[in-house]
Amino acid sequence: MTSEQLIAAEDIETLSLEDIIRSKIAEAVRRVETAAPVHFLEEGHNFGDAVYWGDLESGWVLLPDDFMRLIAFRMSDWERTVYAAISVDDPLYAKQSSRYKGIRGNVQKPVCAVVNRAEGKALEFYSCNSEDAYVSRASYLPYPYIDEDDGIDISEKCYTAVIYTVAALVLTTYGEADKASAMTELAKSIFQ
């Protein structure tokens, strides 16, 4: 029997451990910051410069192309801030077309929904007392990316969870499912 190398020494398609780790960083940040409770996140980026009004004192604001997650949204006449937006698949979304403010969102209990419109992705809000209201607070988290200086924007309180998630993704790449599962559980425990 003769044994041969599985991978030739001059094979340039093979990734080093550093390359594999680097390739998993943005995905790990995305997973962690999508699942993290709001109080673990930083202020994020602002949006909502232009308000478009629809029917029944409800309207929408266009979202940036890199929108990943809503951190906070509030109109000037609302009594509370919305920290989580619903989707069009949520049963609560169907109630937002009601003509009664007690059924749809109102200033005491506002509702926001992320929807796709002809103009692009938008955040619909329900509803205000009048069309004189303006956006008083609007922030979001963008999709993470590694910039030209090899940096990535991570919420400080999420840093440890990101490290564990990167480790889990790398271990999965190497076929170490049990160790990857342990790292994933460690990452989740950060938020408990």
N, C-alpha and C. Protein backbone atom coordinates (compact mmCIF):
# COMPACT_ATOMS: atom_id res chain seq x y z
N MET A 1 0.84 -1.19 0.00
CA MET A 1 0.00 0.00 0.00
C MET A 1 0.88 1.24 0.00
N THR A 2 0.49 2.20 -0.79
CA THR A 2 1.19 3.48 -0.79
C THR A 2 0.21 4.54 -0.33
N SER A 3 0.72 5.51 0.39
CA SER A 3 -0.15 6.59 0.84
C SER A 3 0.24 7.86 0.11
N GLU A 4 -0.77 8.64 -0.26
CA GLU A 4 -0.55 9.91 -0.96
C GLU A 4 -1.16 11.03 -0.14
N GLN A 5 -0.66 12.21 -0.36
CA GLN A 5 -1.23 13.37 0.30
C GLN A 5 -2.64 13.60 -0.21
N LEU A 6 -3.54 13.95 0.70
CA LEU A 6 -4.90 14.29 0.28
C LEU A 6 -4.93 15.64 -0.42
N ILE A 7 -4.10 16.56 0.05
CA ILE A 7 -4.03 17.89 -0.55
C ILE A 7 -2.59 18.16 -0.91
N ALA A 8 -2.37 18.55 -2.15
CA ALA A 8 -1.01 18.83 -2.60
C ALA A 8 -0.46 20.04 -1.85
N ALA A 9 0.84 20.04 -1.61
CA ALA A 9 1.47 21.11 -0.84
C ALA A 9 1.32 22.47 -1.52
N GLU A 10 1.25 22.48 -2.84
CA GLU A 10 1.14 23.76 -3.55
C GLU A 10 -0.31 24.18 -3.81
N ASP A 11 -1.27 23.48 -3.21
CA ASP A 11 -2.69 23.79 -3.41
C ASP A 11 -3.00 25.16 -2.79
N ILE A 12 -3.36 26.11 -3.63
CA ILE A 12 -3.61 27.47 -3.14
C ILE A 12 -5.07 27.69 -2.76
N GLU A 13 -5.94 26.70 -2.99
CA GLU A 13 -7.35 26.85 -2.69
C GLU A 13 -7.66 26.56 -1.22
N THR A 14 -6.73 26.01 -0.49
CA THR A 14 -6.94 25.66 0.90
C THR A 14 -6.88 26.92 1.77
N LEU A 15 -7.87 27.06 2.65
CA LEU A 15 -7.89 28.22 3.53
C LEU A 15 -7.13 27.93 4.82
N SER A 16 -6.41 28.91 5.30
CA SER A 16 -5.74 28.78 6.59
C SER A 16 -6.77 29.01 7.69
N LEU A 17 -6.41 28.68 8.91
CA LEU A 17 -7.30 28.89 10.05
C LEU A 17 -7.68 30.37 10.16
N GLU A 18 -6.71 31.27 9.95
CA GLU A 18 -6.99 32.71 10.04
C GLU A 18 -8.02 33.13 8.99
N ASP A 19 -7.90 32.57 7.77
CA ASP A 19 -8.85 32.91 6.71
C ASP A 19 -10.26 32.42 7.05
N ILE A 20 -10.34 31.22 7.62
CA ILE A 20 -11.64 30.68 8.00
C ILE A 20 -12.27 31.53 9.10
N ILE A 21 -11.47 31.89 10.09
CA ILE A 21 -11.98 32.74 11.18
C ILE A 21 -12.47 34.07 10.61
N ARG A 22 -11.67 34.70 9.77
CA ARG A 22 -12.05 35.99 9.17
C ARG A 22 -13.35 35.87 8.38
N SER A 23 -13.53 34.76 7.68
CA SER A 23 -14.73 34.59 6.85
C SER A 23 -16.00 34.41 7.70
N LYS A 24 -15.84 34.08 8.97
CA LYS A 24 -17.00 33.83 9.84
C LYS A 24 -17.37 35.02 10.72
N ILE A 25 -16.54 36.06 10.77
CA ILE A 25 -16.76 37.17 11.71
C ILE A 25 -18.05 37.93 11.43
N ALA A 26 -18.27 38.35 10.19
CA ALA A 26 -19.48 39.14 9.88
C ALA A 26 -20.74 38.32 10.14
N GLU A 27 -20.72 37.04 9.79
CA GLU A 27 -21.88 36.17 10.04
C GLU A 27 -22.14 36.04 11.54
N ALA A 28 -21.08 35.91 12.33
CA ALA A 28 -21.23 35.79 13.78
C ALA A 28 -21.83 37.06 14.38
N VAL A 29 -21.35 38.23 13.94
CA VAL A 29 -21.88 39.50 14.44
C VAL A 29 -23.36 39.62 14.07
N ARG A 30 -23.70 39.25 12.84
CA ARG A 30 -25.10 39.30 12.41
C ARG A 30 -25.98 38.41 13.28
N ARG A 31 -25.55 37.18 13.52
CA ARG A 31 -26.34 36.25 14.34
C ARG A 31 -26.52 36.76 15.76
N VAL A 32 -25.45 37.24 16.35
CA VAL A 32 -25.52 37.69 17.75
C VAL A 32 -26.37 38.95 17.88
N GLU A 33 -26.12 39.96 17.04
CA GLU A 33 -26.86 41.21 17.19
C GLU A 33 -28.32 41.09 16.77
N THR A 34 -28.65 40.12 15.95
CA THR A 34 -30.05 39.88 15.60
C THR A 34 -30.80 39.27 16.78
N ALA A 35 -30.13 38.41 17.53
CA ALA A 35 -30.77 37.71 18.64
C ALA A 35 -30.67 38.43 19.98
N ALA A 36 -29.77 39.39 20.10
CA ALA A 36 -29.51 40.04 21.39
C ALA A 36 -30.69 40.90 21.85
N PRO A 37 -30.95 40.92 23.16
CA PRO A 37 -31.95 41.86 23.69
C PRO A 37 -31.51 43.30 23.43
N VAL A 38 -32.47 44.20 23.31
CA VAL A 38 -32.18 45.59 22.95
C VAL A 38 -31.19 46.25 23.92
N HIS A 39 -31.27 45.95 25.20
CA HIS A 39 -30.39 46.62 26.16
C HIS A 39 -28.92 46.19 26.02
N PHE A 40 -28.62 45.18 25.20
CA PHE A 40 -27.24 44.80 24.93
C PHE A 40 -26.68 45.54 23.71
N LEU A 41 -27.53 46.25 22.99
CA LEU A 41 -27.11 46.92 21.76
C LEU A 41 -26.79 48.38 22.01
N GLU A 42 -25.97 48.94 21.14
CA GLU A 42 -25.64 50.35 21.22
C GLU A 42 -26.70 51.16 20.49
N GLU A 43 -26.53 52.47 20.43
CA GLU A 43 -27.54 53.35 19.84
C GLU A 43 -27.78 53.12 18.35
N GLY A 44 -26.79 52.67 17.63
CA GLY A 44 -26.98 52.40 16.21
C GLY A 44 -26.89 53.64 15.35
N HIS A 45 -27.48 53.55 14.16
CA HIS A 45 -27.45 54.63 13.17
C HIS A 45 -28.85 55.24 13.06
N ASN A 46 -28.91 56.52 12.75
CA ASN A 46 -30.19 57.22 12.64
C ASN A 46 -30.77 57.09 11.24
N PHE A 47 -32.09 57.16 11.17
CA PHE A 47 -32.82 57.18 9.89
C PHE A 47 -34.12 57.94 10.10
N GLY A 48 -34.95 58.02 9.09
CA GLY A 48 -36.27 58.62 9.24
C GLY A 48 -36.32 60.11 8.98
N ASP A 49 -35.52 60.59 8.04
CA ASP A 49 -35.51 62.01 7.72
C ASP A 49 -36.82 62.47 7.08
N ALA A 50 -37.41 61.61 6.25
CA ALA A 50 -38.65 61.99 5.55
C ALA A 50 -39.79 61.08 5.98
N VAL A 51 -40.94 61.68 6.32
CA VAL A 51 -42.13 60.93 6.72
C VAL A 51 -43.15 61.02 5.58
N TYR A 52 -43.71 59.87 5.22
CA TYR A 52 -44.74 59.80 4.19
C TYR A 52 -46.03 59.37 4.87
N TRP A 53 -47.09 60.16 4.67
CA TRP A 53 -48.35 59.89 5.36
C TRP A 53 -49.30 59.11 4.48
N GLY A 54 -50.04 58.20 5.11
CA GLY A 54 -51.08 57.42 4.44
C GLY A 54 -52.42 57.79 5.02
N ASP A 55 -53.26 56.79 5.20
CA ASP A 55 -54.59 57.01 5.76
C ASP A 55 -54.58 56.93 7.28
N LEU A 56 -55.56 57.54 7.92
CA LEU A 56 -55.81 57.41 9.36
C LEU A 56 -54.61 57.77 10.23
N GLU A 57 -53.94 58.87 9.88
CA GLU A 57 -52.77 59.37 10.63
C GLU A 57 -51.66 58.33 10.79
N SER A 58 -51.57 57.43 9.83
CA SER A 58 -50.50 56.43 9.80
C SER A 58 -49.62 56.75 8.59
N GLY A 59 -48.40 56.22 8.61
CA GLY A 59 -47.51 56.50 7.50
C GLY A 59 -46.32 55.56 7.50
N TRP A 60 -45.27 56.00 6.83
CA TRP A 60 -44.07 55.19 6.75
C TRP A 60 -42.85 56.06 6.54
N VAL A 61 -41.69 55.49 6.87
CA VAL A 61 -40.40 56.10 6.57
C VAL A 61 -39.59 55.04 5.85
N LEU A 62 -38.81 55.47 4.87
CA LEU A 62 -37.97 54.54 4.13
C LEU A 62 -36.78 54.12 4.98
N LEU A 63 -36.39 52.87 4.85
CA LEU A 63 -35.26 52.32 5.60
C LEU A 63 -34.01 52.31 4.73
N PRO A 64 -32.85 52.47 5.32
CA PRO A 64 -31.60 52.41 4.56
C PRO A 64 -31.39 51.01 3.96
N ASP A 65 -30.59 50.94 2.91
CA ASP A 65 -30.32 49.66 2.25
C ASP A 65 -29.65 48.65 3.17
N ASP A 66 -28.86 49.13 4.13
CA ASP A 66 -28.13 48.22 5.02
C ASP A 66 -28.88 47.92 6.32
N PHE A 67 -30.20 48.19 6.36
CA PHE A 67 -31.00 47.96 7.56
C PHE A 67 -31.03 46.47 7.90
N MET A 68 -30.64 46.14 9.16
CA MET A 68 -30.71 44.76 9.63
C MET A 68 -31.75 44.61 10.75
N ARG A 69 -31.73 45.55 11.71
CA ARG A 69 -32.61 45.42 12.88
C ARG A 69 -32.97 46.79 13.43
N LEU A 70 -34.24 46.94 13.82
CA LEU A 70 -34.70 48.16 14.47
C LEU A 70 -34.23 48.18 15.91
N ILE A 71 -33.69 49.32 16.32
CA ILE A 71 -33.33 49.50 17.73
C ILE A 71 -34.43 50.27 18.44
N ALA A 72 -34.86 51.40 17.86
CA ALA A 72 -35.90 52.21 18.49
C ALA A 72 -36.55 53.11 17.46
N PHE A 73 -37.86 53.34 17.61
CA PHE A 73 -38.59 54.28 16.76
C PHE A 73 -39.68 54.93 17.58
N ARG A 74 -39.77 56.26 17.43
CA ARG A 74 -40.79 57.02 18.17
C ARG A 74 -41.19 58.25 17.38
N MET A 75 -42.49 58.47 17.29
CA MET A 75 -43.01 59.70 16.71
C MET A 75 -43.20 60.71 17.84
N SER A 76 -43.24 61.99 17.50
CA SER A 76 -43.25 63.05 18.51
C SER A 76 -44.46 63.03 19.44
N ASP A 77 -45.61 62.53 18.98
CA ASP A 77 -46.79 62.53 19.85
C ASP A 77 -47.08 61.17 20.50
N TRP A 78 -46.17 60.22 20.37
CA TRP A 78 -46.36 58.91 21.00
C TRP A 78 -45.97 58.96 22.47
N GLU A 79 -46.62 58.14 23.27
CA GLU A 79 -46.32 58.08 24.70
C GLU A 79 -45.24 57.05 25.02
N ARG A 80 -44.89 56.22 24.06
CA ARG A 80 -43.83 55.22 24.28
C ARG A 80 -43.07 54.96 22.98
N THR A 81 -41.91 54.36 23.13
CA THR A 81 -41.04 54.04 22.00
C THR A 81 -41.25 52.58 21.60
N VAL A 82 -41.18 52.32 20.30
CA VAL A 82 -41.28 50.95 19.79
C VAL A 82 -39.86 50.42 19.62
N TYR A 83 -39.58 49.24 20.19
CA TYR A 83 -38.25 48.64 20.11
C TYR A 83 -38.20 47.43 19.20
N ALA A 84 -39.35 46.91 18.81
CA ALA A 84 -39.39 45.74 17.92
C ALA A 84 -40.50 45.93 16.90
N ALA A 85 -40.15 45.75 15.64
CA ALA A 85 -41.13 45.88 14.57
C ALA A 85 -41.68 44.51 14.21
N ILE A 86 -42.94 44.48 13.81
CA ILE A 86 -43.55 43.23 13.36
C ILE A 86 -43.34 43.10 11.85
N SER A 87 -43.70 41.94 11.30
CA SER A 87 -43.62 41.73 9.86
C SER A 87 -45.03 41.65 9.30
N VAL A 88 -45.16 41.58 8.00
CA VAL A 88 -46.48 41.48 7.38
C VAL A 88 -47.12 40.12 7.65
N ASP A 89 -46.34 39.14 8.07
CA ASP A 89 -46.87 37.81 8.39
C ASP A 89 -47.47 37.74 9.79
N ASP A 90 -47.20 38.73 10.61
CA ASP A 90 -47.70 38.76 11.98
C ASP A 90 -49.21 38.99 11.97
N PRO A 91 -49.99 38.24 12.76
CA PRO A 91 -51.45 38.46 12.81
C PRO A 91 -51.82 39.89 13.22
N LEU A 92 -50.98 40.55 13.99
CA LEU A 92 -51.23 41.92 14.43
C LEU A 92 -51.21 42.89 13.25
N TYR A 93 -50.49 42.55 12.19
CA TYR A 93 -50.38 43.45 11.03
C TYR A 93 -51.74 43.64 10.36
N ALA A 94 -52.54 42.60 10.28
CA ALA A 94 -53.86 42.70 9.64
C ALA A 94 -54.77 43.67 10.39
N LYS A 95 -54.59 43.80 11.69
CA LYS A 95 -55.42 44.70 12.49
C LYS A 95 -55.07 46.17 12.26
N GLN A 96 -53.92 46.46 11.66
CA GLN A 96 -53.49 47.85 11.49
C GLN A 96 -54.30 48.59 10.42
N SER A 97 -55.08 47.88 9.64
CA SER A 97 -55.91 48.55 8.64
C SER A 97 -57.30 48.88 9.18
N SER A 98 -57.54 48.60 10.45
CA SER A 98 -58.83 48.92 11.06
C SER A 98 -59.01 50.44 11.15
N ARG A 99 -60.24 50.89 11.00
CA ARG A 99 -60.49 52.33 11.12
C ARG A 99 -60.59 52.77 12.56
N TYR A 100 -60.60 51.82 13.51
CA TYR A 100 -60.71 52.14 14.93
C TYR A 100 -59.32 52.15 15.57
N LYS A 101 -59.00 53.26 16.22
CA LYS A 101 -57.68 53.39 16.84
C LYS A 101 -57.48 52.45 18.02
N GLY A 102 -58.53 51.96 18.59
CA GLY A 102 -58.39 51.01 19.69
C GLY A 102 -57.92 49.64 19.23
N ILE A 103 -58.17 49.34 17.96
CA ILE A 103 -57.76 48.04 17.41
C ILE A 103 -56.38 48.14 16.78
N ARG A 104 -56.16 49.19 15.99
CA ARG A 104 -54.83 49.37 15.39
C ARG A 104 -53.93 50.13 16.39
N GLY A 105 -52.70 50.32 16.02
CA GLY A 105 -51.78 51.05 16.88
C GLY A 105 -52.25 52.48 17.11
N ASN A 106 -51.90 53.04 18.26
CA ASN A 106 -52.28 54.41 18.60
C ASN A 106 -51.16 55.03 19.42
N VAL A 107 -51.34 56.26 19.87
CA VAL A 107 -50.26 56.95 20.58
C VAL A 107 -49.92 56.31 21.92
N GLN A 108 -50.89 55.61 22.54
CA GLN A 108 -50.60 54.92 23.79
C GLN A 108 -49.90 53.58 23.56
N LYS A 109 -50.22 52.92 22.46
CA LYS A 109 -49.64 51.62 22.15
C LYS A 109 -49.34 51.55 20.65
N PRO A 110 -48.26 52.23 20.23
CA PRO A 110 -47.94 52.28 18.81
C PRO A 110 -47.41 50.94 18.29
N VAL A 111 -47.56 50.76 16.98
CA VAL A 111 -47.09 49.55 16.31
C VAL A 111 -46.28 49.97 15.09
N CYS A 112 -45.18 49.26 14.85
CA CYS A 112 -44.36 49.48 13.65
C CYS A 112 -44.20 48.16 12.92
N ALA A 113 -44.14 48.22 11.59
CA ALA A 113 -43.97 47.02 10.78
C ALA A 113 -42.95 47.28 9.68
N VAL A 114 -42.06 46.32 9.47
CA VAL A 114 -41.10 46.40 8.37
C VAL A 114 -41.75 45.74 7.17
N VAL A 115 -41.88 46.51 6.08
CA VAL A 115 -42.57 46.03 4.87
C VAL A 115 -41.75 46.38 3.64
N ASN A 116 -42.05 45.69 2.56
CA ASN A 116 -41.46 46.02 1.26
C ASN A 116 -42.47 46.84 0.48
N ARG A 117 -42.04 48.00 0.03
CA ARG A 117 -42.88 48.89 -0.77
C ARG A 117 -42.22 49.07 -2.13
N ALA A 118 -42.91 49.70 -3.04
CA ALA A 118 -42.35 49.95 -4.37
C ALA A 118 -41.09 50.81 -4.27
N GLU A 119 -41.04 51.69 -3.27
CA GLU A 119 -39.89 52.59 -3.09
C GLU A 119 -38.71 51.89 -2.44
N GLY A 120 -38.93 50.72 -1.85
CA GLY A 120 -37.89 49.99 -1.13
C GLY A 120 -38.42 49.53 0.22
N LYS A 121 -37.54 49.05 1.07
CA LYS A 121 -37.94 48.59 2.39
C LYS A 121 -38.33 49.80 3.24
N ALA A 122 -39.44 49.67 3.97
CA ALA A 122 -39.95 50.79 4.75
C ALA A 122 -40.42 50.33 6.12
N LEU A 123 -40.49 51.28 7.04
CA LEU A 123 -41.04 51.05 8.37
C LEU A 123 -42.37 51.78 8.44
N GLU A 124 -43.46 51.02 8.48
CA GLU A 124 -44.79 51.62 8.62
C GLU A 124 -45.06 51.85 10.11
N PHE A 125 -45.71 52.96 10.42
CA PHE A 125 -46.03 53.24 11.83
C PHE A 125 -47.52 53.53 11.98
N TYR A 126 -48.08 53.06 13.09
CA TYR A 126 -49.50 53.19 13.40
C TYR A 126 -49.63 53.63 14.85
N SER A 127 -50.29 54.63 15.14
CA SER A 127 -50.62 55.76 14.35
C SER A 127 -50.48 56.99 15.23
N CYS A 128 -50.62 58.14 14.66
CA CYS A 128 -50.42 59.41 15.38
C CYS A 128 -51.77 60.11 15.58
N ASN A 129 -51.76 61.19 16.34
CA ASN A 129 -52.97 61.99 16.52
C ASN A 129 -53.21 62.92 15.34
N SER A 130 -52.13 63.34 14.67
CA SER A 130 -52.27 64.22 13.51
C SER A 130 -51.05 64.06 12.62
N GLU A 131 -51.15 64.60 11.43
CA GLU A 131 -50.04 64.54 10.49
C GLU A 131 -48.98 65.61 10.76
N ASP A 132 -49.13 66.33 11.87
CA ASP A 132 -48.12 67.30 12.28
C ASP A 132 -46.99 66.63 13.05
N ALA A 133 -47.15 65.36 13.38
CA ALA A 133 -46.13 64.63 14.14
C ALA A 133 -44.87 64.44 13.28
N TYR A 134 -43.76 64.31 13.96
CA TYR A 134 -42.48 64.09 13.27
C TYR A 134 -41.72 62.98 14.00
N VAL A 135 -40.69 62.46 13.37
CA VAL A 135 -39.88 61.40 13.97
C VAL A 135 -39.00 62.03 15.04
N SER A 136 -39.17 61.59 16.29
CA SER A 136 -38.33 62.13 17.36
C SER A 136 -37.16 61.19 17.69
N ARG A 137 -37.29 59.92 17.36
CA ARG A 137 -36.20 58.96 17.60
C ARG A 137 -36.33 57.83 16.59
N ALA A 138 -35.24 57.53 15.90
CA ALA A 138 -35.24 56.42 14.94
C ALA A 138 -33.81 55.93 14.78
N SER A 139 -33.55 54.70 15.23
CA SER A 139 -32.21 54.14 15.08
C SER A 139 -32.29 52.66 14.71
N TYR A 140 -31.26 52.20 14.03
CA TYR A 140 -31.24 50.82 13.54
C TYR A 140 -29.82 50.30 13.57
N LEU A 141 -29.69 48.98 13.46
CA LEU A 141 -28.39 48.34 13.31
C LEU A 141 -28.21 47.96 11.84
N PRO A 142 -27.08 48.32 11.25
CA PRO A 142 -26.82 47.91 9.87
C PRO A 142 -26.25 46.49 9.81
N TYR A 143 -26.31 45.89 8.62
CA TYR A 143 -25.64 44.61 8.44
C TYR A 143 -24.15 44.81 8.69
N PRO A 144 -23.52 43.90 9.42
CA PRO A 144 -22.09 44.06 9.72
C PRO A 144 -21.21 43.75 8.51
N TYR A 145 -20.09 44.43 8.42
CA TYR A 145 -19.11 44.16 7.37
C TYR A 145 -17.74 44.55 7.89
N ILE A 146 -16.72 43.93 7.33
CA ILE A 146 -15.35 44.25 7.70
C ILE A 146 -14.89 45.39 6.79
N ASP A 147 -14.49 46.52 7.39
CA ASP A 147 -14.13 47.69 6.60
C ASP A 147 -12.69 47.60 6.07
N GLU A 148 -12.28 48.66 5.38
CA GLU A 148 -10.95 48.67 4.75
C GLU A 148 -9.81 48.65 5.76
N ASP A 149 -10.08 48.99 7.01
CA ASP A 149 -9.06 48.96 8.06
C ASP A 149 -9.10 47.66 8.85
N ASP A 150 -9.79 46.64 8.32
CA ASP A 150 -9.98 45.34 8.98
C ASP A 150 -10.70 45.47 10.31
N GLY A 151 -11.59 46.44 10.42
CA GLY A 151 -12.40 46.62 11.62
C GLY A 151 -13.84 46.26 11.34
N ILE A 152 -14.58 45.97 12.39
CA ILE A 152 -16.01 45.69 12.27
C ILE A 152 -16.70 46.32 13.48
N ASP A 153 -17.87 46.88 13.26
CA ASP A 153 -18.63 47.55 14.32
C ASP A 153 -19.42 46.50 15.10
N ILE A 154 -19.08 46.34 16.38
CA ILE A 154 -19.75 45.38 17.25
C ILE A 154 -20.20 46.11 18.52
N SER A 155 -21.43 45.85 18.95
CA SER A 155 -21.88 46.39 20.23
C SER A 155 -20.99 45.80 21.32
N GLU A 156 -20.49 46.67 22.20
CA GLU A 156 -19.51 46.26 23.20
C GLU A 156 -20.01 45.12 24.09
N LYS A 157 -21.27 45.17 24.49
CA LYS A 157 -21.82 44.13 25.37
C LYS A 157 -22.02 42.80 24.64
N CYS A 158 -21.94 42.81 23.32
CA CYS A 158 -22.11 41.59 22.52
C CYS A 158 -20.78 40.95 22.14
N TYR A 159 -19.67 41.58 22.48
CA TYR A 159 -18.36 41.14 22.02
C TYR A 159 -18.06 39.69 22.40
N THR A 160 -18.25 39.31 23.65
CA THR A 160 -17.94 37.95 24.10
C THR A 160 -18.82 36.92 23.38
N ALA A 161 -20.08 37.24 23.20
CA ALA A 161 -20.98 36.33 22.48
C ALA A 161 -20.55 36.16 21.03
N VAL A 162 -20.04 37.23 20.43
CA VAL A 162 -19.54 37.14 19.05
C VAL A 162 -18.33 36.22 18.99
N ILE A 163 -17.42 36.32 19.95
CA ILE A 163 -16.23 35.46 19.98
C ILE A 163 -16.65 33.99 20.04
N TYR A 164 -17.57 33.66 20.94
CA TYR A 164 -18.05 32.28 21.05
C TYR A 164 -18.76 31.82 19.77
N THR A 165 -19.50 32.71 19.13
CA THR A 165 -20.20 32.35 17.90
C THR A 165 -19.22 32.12 16.75
N VAL A 166 -18.18 32.94 16.66
CA VAL A 166 -17.14 32.71 15.66
C VAL A 166 -16.51 31.34 15.89
N ALA A 167 -16.20 31.03 17.15
CA ALA A 167 -15.61 29.73 17.46
C ALA A 167 -16.55 28.59 17.05
N ALA A 168 -17.84 28.75 17.31
CA ALA A 168 -18.81 27.72 16.93
C ALA A 168 -18.86 27.53 15.42
N LEU A 169 -18.84 28.62 14.67
CA LEU A 169 -18.88 28.53 13.21
C LEU A 169 -17.61 27.88 12.65
N VAL A 170 -16.47 28.22 13.23
CA VAL A 170 -15.20 27.61 12.78
C VAL A 170 -15.18 26.13 13.13
N LEU A 171 -15.62 25.77 14.33
CA LEU A 171 -15.67 24.36 14.71
C LEU A 171 -16.62 23.57 13.81
N THR A 172 -17.72 24.18 13.41
CA THR A 172 -18.64 23.52 12.48
C THR A 172 -17.95 23.28 11.15
N THR A 173 -17.15 24.24 10.69
CA THR A 173 -16.40 24.08 9.44
C THR A 173 -15.46 22.89 9.51
N TYR A 174 -14.87 22.68 10.68
CA TYR A 174 -13.95 21.56 10.86
C TYR A 174 -14.65 20.26 11.23
N GLY A 175 -15.98 20.26 11.28
CA GLY A 175 -16.72 19.06 11.56
C GLY A 175 -16.81 18.68 13.03
N GLU A 176 -16.57 19.61 13.91
CA GLU A 176 -16.61 19.38 15.36
C GLU A 176 -17.97 19.84 15.90
N ALA A 177 -19.02 19.07 15.60
CA ALA A 177 -20.38 19.48 15.94
C ALA A 177 -20.60 19.61 17.45
N ASP A 178 -20.06 18.69 18.24
CA ASP A 178 -20.27 18.74 19.69
C ASP A 178 -19.63 19.98 20.30
N LYS A 179 -18.40 20.26 19.90
CA LYS A 179 -17.72 21.45 20.43
C LYS A 179 -18.41 22.73 19.95
N ALA A 180 -18.87 22.72 18.69
CA ALA A 180 -19.59 23.88 18.15
C ALA A 180 -20.87 24.13 18.94
N SER A 181 -21.57 23.06 19.29
CA SER A 181 -22.80 23.20 20.07
C SER A 181 -22.51 23.79 21.45
N ALA A 182 -21.41 23.37 22.06
CA ALA A 182 -21.02 23.92 23.37
C ALA A 182 -20.72 25.41 23.26
N MET A 183 -20.04 25.84 22.21
CA MET A 183 -19.73 27.26 22.01
C MET A 183 -21.01 28.07 21.76
N THR A 184 -21.94 27.49 21.02
CA THR A 184 -23.21 28.17 20.77
C THR A 184 -23.97 28.39 22.07
N GLU A 185 -23.98 27.39 22.92
CA GLU A 185 -24.65 27.52 24.23
C GLU A 185 -23.96 28.58 25.10
N LEU A 186 -22.63 28.64 25.05
CA LEU A 186 -21.91 29.68 25.79
C LEU A 186 -22.31 31.06 25.28
N ALA A 187 -22.41 31.21 23.97
CA ALA A 187 -22.81 32.50 23.39
C ALA A 187 -24.21 32.89 23.85
N LYS A 188 -25.14 31.95 23.87
CA LYS A 188 -26.51 32.24 24.31
C LYS A 188 -26.57 32.60 25.79
N SER A 189 -25.68 32.00 26.58
CA SER A 189 -25.70 32.25 28.03
C SER A 189 -25.31 33.67 28.38
N ILE A 190 -24.62 34.37 27.50
CA ILE A 190 -24.22 35.77 27.73
C ILE A 190 -25.46 36.64 27.93
N PHE A 191 -26.55 36.32 27.25
CA PHE A 191 -27.75 37.15 27.28
C PHE A 191 -28.75 36.73 28.35
N GLN A 192 -28.40 35.79 29.21
CA GLN A 192 -29.34 35.34 30.23
C GLN A 192 -29.10 36.03 31.54
